[in-house]
Amino acid sequence: MTAMCALAVTGVAVLAGCGGDDPDAGTNGVGKLSADAIQERTRAAADTASALRLAGTVVTSGRTYQLDMRLKADGGTGSVTSQGATFQLLRIGQQLYLKADSDFWSHAGDGGGGDGTAGKLNGKYVKVPQQDPAYKKFSGFTDKSVLLDGLLTLHGSLATDGHHDQSGTPTIRITGDKGSGGTLDVSLQGTPYPLLLSRAGDAGTLRFSDWGKDFTVTEPAKDDTVDYGRQLPAS
């Protein structure tokens, strides 16, 4: 306690000013806002951030995807695991690449196995045509704007649910419909970025990190690239 705090008379306001009982003392202040205002602030922070990393699970259309992605406005890269199969995604501008081993391609559909396709695609960055169903299915995992728009929405009436801690960072938690509509922990240090999301309906949990930390996405080497030239084997 500082000399000023030691000399101060006892009182709630004084204790709060000295960091005594005020959980928002020394924070960015969003913990004092309404849940709606906190959501607005954290969405704005996420939208304007140049880059981020997200990792965790997303359940959609009855299928669970394990994601570990780095995203920015003009591209993204990372890994996706679903039903025991892991593959890499890379998007540069509008061009999406998918990289997987021969086992993935062997089980990707009727065209992936017996004709030798699996061996040709094994370990290569395969260009995904924009008209291919796989493009629509997987490109969203590499698109910062699309992914955050689909994830950072809590459903129902919003409320705050106390102060918490995520890996040493103090957070304020907001909930939708008392948690059934999802929960979101927002950083109380620096910019109020979202740090932990639990989606409504047990539809996955995601951690967000490396906000604003730039990274490079580069075209894979030609020797490592395959232009399949037609619809990919169905995944």
C-alpha atoms as a PDB file:
ATOM      1  CA  MET A   1       0.000   0.000   0.000  1.00  0.00           C
ATOM      2  CA  THR A   2       1.301   3.449  -0.906  1.00  0.00           C
ATOM      3  CA  ALA A   3       1.895   6.138   1.706  1.00  0.00           C
ATOM      4  CA  MET A   4      -1.139   8.010   0.380  1.00  0.00           C
ATOM      5  CA  CYS A   5      -3.347   4.932   0.836  1.00  0.00           C
ATOM      6  CA  ALA A   6      -1.903   4.351   4.303  1.00  0.00           C
ATOM      7  CA  LEU A   7      -2.788   7.881   5.346  1.00  0.00           C
ATOM      8  CA  ALA A   8      -6.240   7.796   3.770  1.00  0.00           C
ATOM      9  CA  VAL A   9      -9.297   7.545   5.990  1.00  0.00           C
ATOM     10  CA  THR A  10     -11.222   4.303   5.829  1.00  0.00           C
ATOM     11  CA  GLY A  11     -14.028   4.290   3.255  1.00  0.00           C
ATOM     12  CA  VAL A  12     -15.253   2.315   0.282  1.00  0.00           C
ATOM     13  CA  ALA A  13     -14.367   4.974  -2.218  1.00  0.00           C
ATOM     14  CA  VAL A  14     -10.869   5.363  -0.801  1.00  0.00           C
ATOM     15  CA  LEU A  15     -10.290   1.617  -0.695  1.00  0.00           C
ATOM     16  CA  ALA A  16     -11.482   1.316  -4.281  1.00  0.00           C
ATOM     17  CA  GLY A  17      -9.114   4.059  -5.341  1.00  0.00           C
ATOM     18  CA  CYS A  18      -6.224   2.224  -3.652  1.00  0.00           C
ATOM     19  CA  GLY A  19      -7.107  -1.061  -5.339  1.00  0.00           C
ATOM     20  CA  GLY A  20      -8.614  -2.613  -2.224  1.00  0.00           C
ATOM     21  CA  ASP A  21     -12.015  -4.091  -3.021  1.00  0.00           C
ATOM     22  CA  ASP A  22     -12.615  -2.890  -6.565  1.00  0.00           C
ATOM     23  CA  PRO A  23     -12.063  -5.749  -9.070  1.00  0.00           C
ATOM     24  CA  ASP A  24     -11.929  -3.190 -11.885  1.00  0.00           C
ATOM     25  CA  ALA A  25      -9.170  -1.093 -10.338  1.00  0.00           C
ATOM     26  CA  GLY A  26      -6.272  -0.868 -12.781  1.00  0.00           C
ATOM     27  CA  THR A  27      -8.234  -2.513 -15.619  1.00  0.00           C
ATOM     28  CA  ASN A  28      -9.487  -1.149 -18.926  1.00  0.00           C
ATOM     29  CA  GLY A  29     -12.823  -0.383 -17.247  1.00  0.00           C
ATOM     30  CA  VAL A  30     -15.152  -2.476 -19.390  1.00  0.00           C
ATOM     31  CA  GLY A  31     -16.104  -4.526 -16.342  1.00  0.00           C
ATOM     32  CA  LYS A  32     -18.165  -1.566 -15.157  1.00  0.00           C
ATOM     33  CA  LEU A  33     -20.259  -1.528 -18.344  1.00  0.00           C
ATOM     34  CA  SER A  34     -23.508  -3.313 -19.131  1.00  0.00           C
ATOM     35  CA  ALA A  35     -23.309  -6.691 -20.833  1.00  0.00           C
ATOM     36  CA  ASP A  36     -24.629  -5.221 -24.082  1.00  0.00           C
ATOM     37  CA  ALA A  37     -21.995  -2.494 -24.013  1.00  0.00           C
ATOM     38  CA  ILE A  38     -19.246  -5.040 -23.261  1.00  0.00           C
ATOM     39  CA  GLN A  39     -20.304  -7.176 -26.216  1.00  0.00           C
ATOM     40  CA  GLU A  40     -20.301  -4.118 -28.460  1.00  0.00           C
ATOM     41  CA  ARG A  41     -16.805  -3.154 -27.299  1.00  0.00           C
ATOM     42  CA  THR A  42     -15.325  -6.624 -27.690  1.00  0.00           C
ATOM     43  CA  ARG A  43     -16.876  -7.124 -31.139  1.00  0.00           C
ATOM     44  CA  ALA A  44     -15.427  -3.806 -32.267  1.00  0.00           C
ATOM     45  CA  ALA A  45     -12.012  -4.775 -30.874  1.00  0.00           C
ATOM     46  CA  ALA A  46     -12.117  -8.148 -32.626  1.00  0.00           C
ATOM     47  CA  ASP A  47     -13.255  -6.655 -35.932  1.00  0.00           C
ATOM     48  CA  THR A  48     -10.463  -4.064 -36.011  1.00  0.00           C
ATOM     49  CA  ALA A  49      -7.662  -6.380 -34.876  1.00  0.00           C
ATOM     50  CA  SER A  50      -5.199  -7.123 -37.647  1.00  0.00           C
ATOM     51  CA  ALA A  51      -4.736 -10.777 -36.713  1.00  0.00           C
ATOM     52  CA  LEU A  52      -5.522 -13.452 -34.134  1.00  0.00           C
ATOM     53  CA  ARG A  53      -5.195 -17.103 -33.267  1.00  0.00           C
ATOM     54  CA  LEU A  54      -8.114 -19.307 -32.255  1.00  0.00           C
ATOM     55  CA  ALA A  55      -8.031 -22.866 -31.000  1.00  0.00           C
ATOM     56  CA  GLY A  56     -10.699 -25.241 -29.777  1.00  0.00           C
ATOM     57  CA  THR A  57     -13.787 -27.027 -31.008  1.00  0.00           C
ATOM     58  CA  VAL A  58     -16.713 -26.044 -33.195  1.00  0.00           C
ATOM     59  CA  VAL A  59     -19.761 -28.264 -33.586  1.00  0.00           C
ATOM     60  CA  THR A  60     -21.790 -27.609 -36.720  1.00  0.00           C
ATOM     61  CA  SER A  61     -24.296 -29.763 -38.628  1.00  0.00           C
ATOM     62  CA  GLY A  62     -23.715 -32.548 -36.134  1.00  0.00           C
ATOM     63  CA  ARG A  63     -19.980 -32.702 -36.818  1.00  0.00           C
ATOM     64  CA  THR A  64     -17.185 -31.640 -34.456  1.00  0.00           C
ATOM     65  CA  TYR A  65     -14.152 -29.784 -35.797  1.00  0.00           C
ATOM     66  CA  GLN A  66     -10.985 -29.235 -33.771  1.00  0.00           C
ATOM     67  CA  LEU A  67      -9.419 -25.984 -34.967  1.00  0.00           C
ATOM     68  CA  ASP A  68      -6.060 -24.319 -34.513  1.00  0.00           C
ATOM     69  CA  MET A  69      -6.067 -21.351 -36.884  1.00  0.00           C
ATOM     70  CA  ARG A  70      -4.228 -18.073 -37.373  1.00  0.00           C
ATOM     71  CA  LEU A  71      -6.286 -15.490 -39.210  1.00  0.00           C
ATOM     72  CA  LYS A  72      -6.014 -12.026 -40.709  1.00  0.00           C
ATOM     73  CA  ALA A  73      -7.885 -10.003 -43.291  1.00  0.00           C
ATOM     74  CA  ASP A  74      -6.141 -11.351 -46.399  1.00  0.00           C
ATOM     75  CA  GLY A  75      -5.638 -14.956 -45.409  1.00  0.00           C
ATOM     76  CA  GLY A  76      -5.332 -17.659 -42.814  1.00  0.00           C
ATOM     77  CA  THR A  77      -3.542 -20.883 -42.011  1.00  0.00           C
ATOM     78  CA  GLY A  78      -3.828 -23.742 -39.563  1.00  0.00           C
ATOM     79  CA  SER A  79      -5.061 -27.249 -38.918  1.00  0.00           C
ATOM     80  CA  VAL A  80      -8.500 -28.844 -38.726  1.00  0.00           C
ATOM     81  CA  THR A  81      -9.292 -32.258 -37.269  1.00  0.00           C
ATOM     82  CA  SER A  82     -12.612 -34.015 -37.758  1.00  0.00           C
ATOM     83  CA  GLN A  83     -13.621 -37.654 -37.356  1.00  0.00           C
ATOM     84  CA  GLY A  84     -10.011 -38.662 -36.778  1.00  0.00           C
ATOM     85  CA  ALA A  85      -8.674 -36.973 -39.904  1.00  0.00           C
ATOM     86  CA  THR A  86      -6.392 -33.934 -39.734  1.00  0.00           C
ATOM     87  CA  PHE A  87      -5.709 -31.598 -42.628  1.00  0.00           C
ATOM     88  CA  GLN A  88      -4.066 -28.221 -43.138  1.00  0.00           C
ATOM     89  CA  LEU A  89      -5.787 -25.187 -44.607  1.00  0.00           C
ATOM     90  CA  LEU A  90      -4.069 -22.220 -46.221  1.00  0.00           C
ATOM     91  CA  ARG A  91      -5.843 -19.281 -47.814  1.00  0.00           C
ATOM     92  CA  ILE A  92      -4.119 -16.421 -49.608  1.00  0.00           C
ATOM     93  CA  GLY A  93      -6.588 -13.868 -50.892  1.00  0.00           C
ATOM     94  CA  GLN A  94      -9.306 -15.942 -52.576  1.00  0.00           C
ATOM     95  CA  GLN A  95      -7.125 -18.999 -53.216  1.00  0.00           C
ATOM     96  CA  LEU A  96      -7.688 -21.861 -50.774  1.00  0.00           C
ATOM     97  CA  TYR A  97      -5.309 -24.796 -50.387  1.00  0.00           C
ATOM     98  CA  LEU A  98      -5.928 -28.063 -48.559  1.00  0.00           C
ATOM     99  CA  LYS A  99      -3.045 -30.303 -47.491  1.00  0.00           C
ATOM    100  CA  ALA A 100      -3.574 -33.836 -46.155  1.00  0.00           C
ATOM    101  CA  ASP A 101      -2.030 -37.282 -46.214  1.00  0.00           C
ATOM    102  CA  SER A 102      -3.015 -40.178 -48.443  1.00  0.00           C
ATOM    103  CA  ASP A 103      -5.271 -41.713 -45.774  1.00  0.00           C
ATOM    104  CA  PHE A 104      -7.408 -38.573 -45.828  1.00  0.00           C
ATOM    105  CA  TRP A 105      -7.744 -38.641 -49.596  1.00  0.00           C
ATOM    106  CA  SER A 106      -8.319 -42.400 -49.671  1.00  0.00           C
ATOM    107  CA  HIS A 107     -11.414 -41.908 -47.530  1.00  0.00           C
ATOM    108  CA  ALA A 108     -12.515 -38.726 -49.286  1.00  0.00           C
ATOM    109  CA  GLY A 109     -14.909 -40.383 -51.680  1.00  0.00           C
ATOM    110  CA  ASP A 110     -15.172 -42.738 -54.607  1.00  0.00           C
ATOM    111  CA  GLY A 111     -12.599 -40.792 -56.588  1.00  0.00           C
ATOM    112  CA  GLY A 112      -9.990 -40.697 -53.822  1.00  0.00           C
ATOM    113  CA  GLY A 113      -8.737 -44.240 -53.662  1.00  0.00           C
ATOM    114  CA  GLY A 114      -8.371 -46.814 -56.402  1.00  0.00           C
ATOM    115  CA  ASP A 115      -7.300 -44.534 -59.229  1.00  0.00           C
ATOM    116  CA  GLY A 116      -4.081 -43.448 -57.525  1.00  0.00           C
ATOM    117  CA  THR A 117      -5.372 -39.998 -56.676  1.00  0.00           C
ATOM    118  CA  ALA A 118      -4.581 -40.388 -52.980  1.00  0.00           C
ATOM    119  CA  GLY A 119      -0.901 -40.926 -53.691  1.00  0.00           C
ATOM    120  CA  LYS A 120      -0.722 -37.935 -56.011  1.00  0.00           C
ATOM    121  CA  LEU A 121      -2.325 -35.641 -53.446  1.00  0.00           C
ATOM    122  CA  ASN A 122      -0.461 -36.986 -50.409  1.00  0.00           C
ATOM    123  CA  GLY A 123       1.311 -34.172 -48.545  1.00  0.00           C
ATOM    124  CA  LYS A 124       0.646 -31.649 -51.309  1.00  0.00           C
ATOM    125  CA  TYR A 125      -1.083 -28.280 -51.157  1.00  0.00           C
ATOM    126  CA  VAL A 126      -4.108 -28.955 -53.305  1.00  0.00           C
ATOM    127  CA  LYS A 127      -5.771 -25.951 -54.911  1.00  0.00           C
ATOM    128  CA  VAL A 128      -9.466 -25.939 -54.080  1.00  0.00           C
ATOM    129  CA  PRO A 129     -11.616 -24.553 -56.926  1.00  0.00           C
ATOM    130  CA  GLN A 130     -14.040 -21.878 -55.750  1.00  0.00           C
ATOM    131  CA  GLN A 131     -16.955 -23.758 -57.316  1.00  0.00           C
ATOM    132  CA  ASP A 132     -16.076 -26.928 -55.416  1.00  0.00           C
ATOM    133  CA  PRO A 133     -18.275 -27.775 -52.378  1.00  0.00           C
ATOM    134  CA  ALA A 134     -15.123 -28.114 -50.276  1.00  0.00           C
ATOM    135  CA  TYR A 135     -14.351 -24.428 -50.865  1.00  0.00           C
ATOM    136  CA  LYS A 136     -17.592 -23.287 -49.314  1.00  0.00           C
ATOM    137  CA  LYS A 137     -17.263 -25.825 -46.521  1.00  0.00           C
ATOM    138  CA  PHE A 138     -13.715 -25.000 -45.447  1.00  0.00           C
ATOM    139  CA  SER A 139     -12.869 -21.474 -46.590  1.00  0.00           C
ATOM    140  CA  GLY A 140     -14.866 -20.013 -43.686  1.00  0.00           C
ATOM    141  CA  PHE A 141     -12.390 -21.583 -41.272  1.00  0.00           C
ATOM    142  CA  THR A 142      -9.695 -19.340 -42.787  1.00  0.00           C
ATOM    143  CA  ASP A 143     -11.762 -16.149 -43.039  1.00  0.00           C
ATOM    144  CA  LYS A 144     -11.410 -13.855 -40.019  1.00  0.00           C
ATOM    145  CA  SER A 145     -14.526 -11.818 -40.715  1.00  0.00           C
ATOM    146  CA  VAL A 146     -16.777 -14.773 -41.538  1.00  0.00           C
ATOM    147  CA  LEU A 147     -15.593 -16.870 -38.632  1.00  0.00           C
ATOM    148  CA  LEU A 148     -15.881 -14.159 -35.999  1.00  0.00           C
ATOM    149  CA  ASP A 149     -19.294 -13.067 -37.276  1.00  0.00           C
ATOM    150  CA  GLY A 150     -20.508 -16.614 -36.884  1.00  0.00           C
ATOM    151  CA  LEU A 151     -18.941 -17.221 -33.480  1.00  0.00           C
ATOM    152  CA  LEU A 152     -19.000 -14.053 -31.379  1.00  0.00           C
ATOM    153  CA  THR A 153     -22.764 -13.849 -30.969  1.00  0.00           C
ATOM    154  CA  LEU A 154     -24.399 -14.765 -27.675  1.00  0.00           C
ATOM    155  CA  HIS A 155     -28.055 -15.701 -27.877  1.00  0.00           C
ATOM    156  CA  GLY A 156     -30.854 -14.364 -25.701  1.00  0.00           C
ATOM    157  CA  SER A 157     -30.784 -11.739 -22.982  1.00  0.00           C
ATOM    158  CA  LEU A 158     -27.264 -10.633 -22.053  1.00  0.00           C
ATOM    159  CA  ALA A 159     -25.941 -10.306 -18.514  1.00  0.00           C
ATOM    160  CA  THR A 160     -22.587 -10.114 -16.747  1.00  0.00           C
ATOM    161  CA  ASP A 161     -21.407 -13.104 -14.717  1.00  0.00           C
ATOM    162  CA  GLY A 162     -18.582 -11.869 -12.573  1.00  0.00           C
ATOM    163  CA  HIS A 163     -14.855 -11.453 -12.850  1.00  0.00           C
ATOM    164  CA  HIS A 164     -12.703 -14.400 -13.909  1.00  0.00           C
ATOM    165  CA  ASP A 165      -9.159 -15.233 -14.998  1.00  0.00           C
ATOM    166  CA  GLN A 166      -7.887 -16.713 -18.245  1.00  0.00           C
ATOM    167  CA  SER A 167      -4.246 -17.814 -18.130  1.00  0.00           C
ATOM    168  CA  GLY A 168      -3.349 -14.948 -15.804  1.00  0.00           C
ATOM    169  CA  THR A 169      -5.417 -12.297 -17.589  1.00  0.00           C
ATOM    170  CA  PRO A 170      -8.380 -10.906 -15.634  1.00  0.00           C
ATOM    171  CA  THR A 171     -11.651 -11.059 -17.529  1.00  0.00           C
ATOM    172  CA  ILE A 172     -15.285 -10.086 -17.259  1.00  0.00           C
ATOM    173  CA  ARG A 173     -17.734 -12.769 -18.337  1.00  0.00           C
ATOM    174  CA  ILE A 174     -20.925 -12.066 -20.222  1.00  0.00           C
ATOM    175  CA  THR A 175     -23.653 -14.629 -20.804  1.00  0.00           C
ATOM    176  CA  GLY A 176     -26.651 -15.147 -23.045  1.00  0.00           C
ATOM    177  CA  ASP A 177     -29.782 -16.389 -21.275  1.00  0.00           C
ATOM    178  CA  LYS A 178     -27.846 -17.139 -18.077  1.00  0.00           C
ATOM    179  CA  GLY A 179     -25.352 -19.264 -19.982  1.00  0.00           C
ATOM    180  CA  SER A 180     -27.650 -21.382 -22.120  1.00  0.00           C
ATOM    181  CA  GLY A 181     -27.088 -18.889 -24.938  1.00  0.00           C
ATOM    182  CA  GLY A 182     -23.302 -19.065 -24.577  1.00  0.00           C
ATOM    183  CA  THR A 183     -20.642 -17.314 -22.482  1.00  0.00           C
ATOM    184  CA  LEU A 184     -17.776 -15.027 -23.427  1.00  0.00           C
ATOM    185  CA  ASP A 185     -14.815 -13.927 -21.312  1.00  0.00           C
ATOM    186  CA  VAL A 186     -13.490 -10.486 -22.264  1.00  0.00           C
ATOM    187  CA  SER A 187     -10.048  -9.187 -21.345  1.00  0.00           C
ATOM    188  CA  LEU A 188      -9.838  -6.524 -18.648  1.00  0.00           C
ATOM    189  CA  GLN A 189      -6.254  -5.739 -19.613  1.00  0.00           C
ATOM    190  CA  GLY A 190      -5.529  -3.403 -22.484  1.00  0.00           C
ATOM    191  CA  THR A 191      -7.864  -3.784 -25.453  1.00  0.00           C
ATOM    192  CA  PRO A 192     -11.051  -5.694 -24.496  1.00  0.00           C
ATOM    193  CA  TYR A 193     -10.480  -8.644 -26.793  1.00  0.00           C
ATOM    194  CA  PRO A 194     -12.549 -11.834 -26.422  1.00  0.00           C
ATOM    195  CA  LEU A 195     -10.446 -14.588 -24.827  1.00  0.00           C
ATOM    196  CA  LEU A 196     -12.731 -17.563 -24.211  1.00  0.00           C
ATOM    197  CA  LEU A 197     -16.003 -18.511 -25.855  1.00  0.00           C
ATOM    198  CA  SER A 198     -18.366 -21.314 -24.871  1.00  0.00           C
ATOM    199  CA  ARG A 199     -20.976 -21.592 -27.590  1.00  0.00           C
ATOM    200  CA  ALA A 200     -24.674 -22.079 -26.981  1.00  0.00           C
ATOM    201  CA  GLY A 201     -26.019 -25.620 -27.053  1.00  0.00           C
ATOM    202  CA  ASP A 202     -22.652 -27.228 -26.277  1.00  0.00           C
ATOM    203  CA  ALA A 203     -21.562 -26.288 -29.788  1.00  0.00           C
ATOM    204  CA  GLY A 204     -17.902 -25.924 -28.882  1.00  0.00           C
ATOM    205  CA  THR A 205     -15.363 -23.942 -26.878  1.00  0.00           C
ATOM    206  CA  LEU A 206     -12.730 -21.652 -28.360  1.00  0.00           C
ATOM    207  CA  ARG A 207      -9.770 -19.730 -26.963  1.00  0.00           C
ATOM    208  CA  PHE A 208      -8.568 -16.555 -28.668  1.00  0.00           C
ATOM    209  CA  SER A 209      -4.999 -15.258 -28.447  1.00  0.00           C
ATOM    210  CA  ASP A 210      -2.223 -13.426 -30.309  1.00  0.00           C
ATOM    211  CA  TRP A 211      -4.520 -10.508 -31.064  1.00  0.00           C
ATOM    212  CA  GLY A 212      -2.775  -8.062 -33.386  1.00  0.00           C
ATOM    213  CA  LYS A 213       0.295 -10.289 -33.859  1.00  0.00           C
ATOM    214  CA  ASP A 214       1.009 -10.343 -37.584  1.00  0.00           C
ATOM    215  CA  PHE A 215       2.124 -13.425 -39.466  1.00  0.00           C
ATOM    216  CA  THR A 216       2.949 -14.217 -43.076  1.00  0.00           C
ATOM    217  CA  VAL A 217       0.955 -16.329 -45.503  1.00  0.00           C
ATOM    218  CA  THR A 218       2.908 -17.265 -48.611  1.00  0.00           C
ATOM    219  CA  GLU A 219       2.163 -19.270 -51.707  1.00  0.00           C
ATOM    220  CA  PRO A 220       3.455 -22.828 -51.350  1.00  0.00           C
ATOM    221  CA  ALA A 221       6.273 -23.902 -53.630  1.00  0.00           C
ATOM    222  CA  LYS A 222       5.191 -25.144 -57.049  1.00  0.00           C
ATOM    223  CA  ASP A 223       6.733 -28.548 -56.333  1.00  0.00           C
ATOM    224  CA  ASP A 224       4.458 -28.839 -53.296  1.00  0.00           C
ATOM    225  CA  THR A 225       1.311 -27.732 -55.114  1.00  0.00           C
ATOM    226  CA  VAL A 226      -1.247 -29.728 -57.086  1.00  0.00           C
ATOM    227  CA  ASP A 227      -3.914 -28.117 -59.247  1.00  0.00           C
ATOM    228  CA  TYR A 228      -6.440 -30.937 -59.344  1.00  0.00           C
ATOM    229  CA  GLY A 229      -8.274 -29.129 -62.133  1.00  0.00           C
ATOM    230  CA  ARG A 230     -11.731 -30.483 -61.301  1.00  0.00           C
ATOM    231  CA  GLN A 231     -14.000 -31.233 -58.355  1.00  0.00           C
ATOM    232  CA  LEU A 232     -12.072 -32.701 -55.451  1.00  0.00           C
ATOM    233  CA  PRO A 233     -12.914 -36.070 -53.952  1.00  0.00           C
ATOM    234  CA  ALA A 234     -15.816 -35.483 -51.569  1.00  0.00           C
ATOM    235  CA  SER A 235     -14.553 -35.119 -48.001  1.00  0.00           C
END
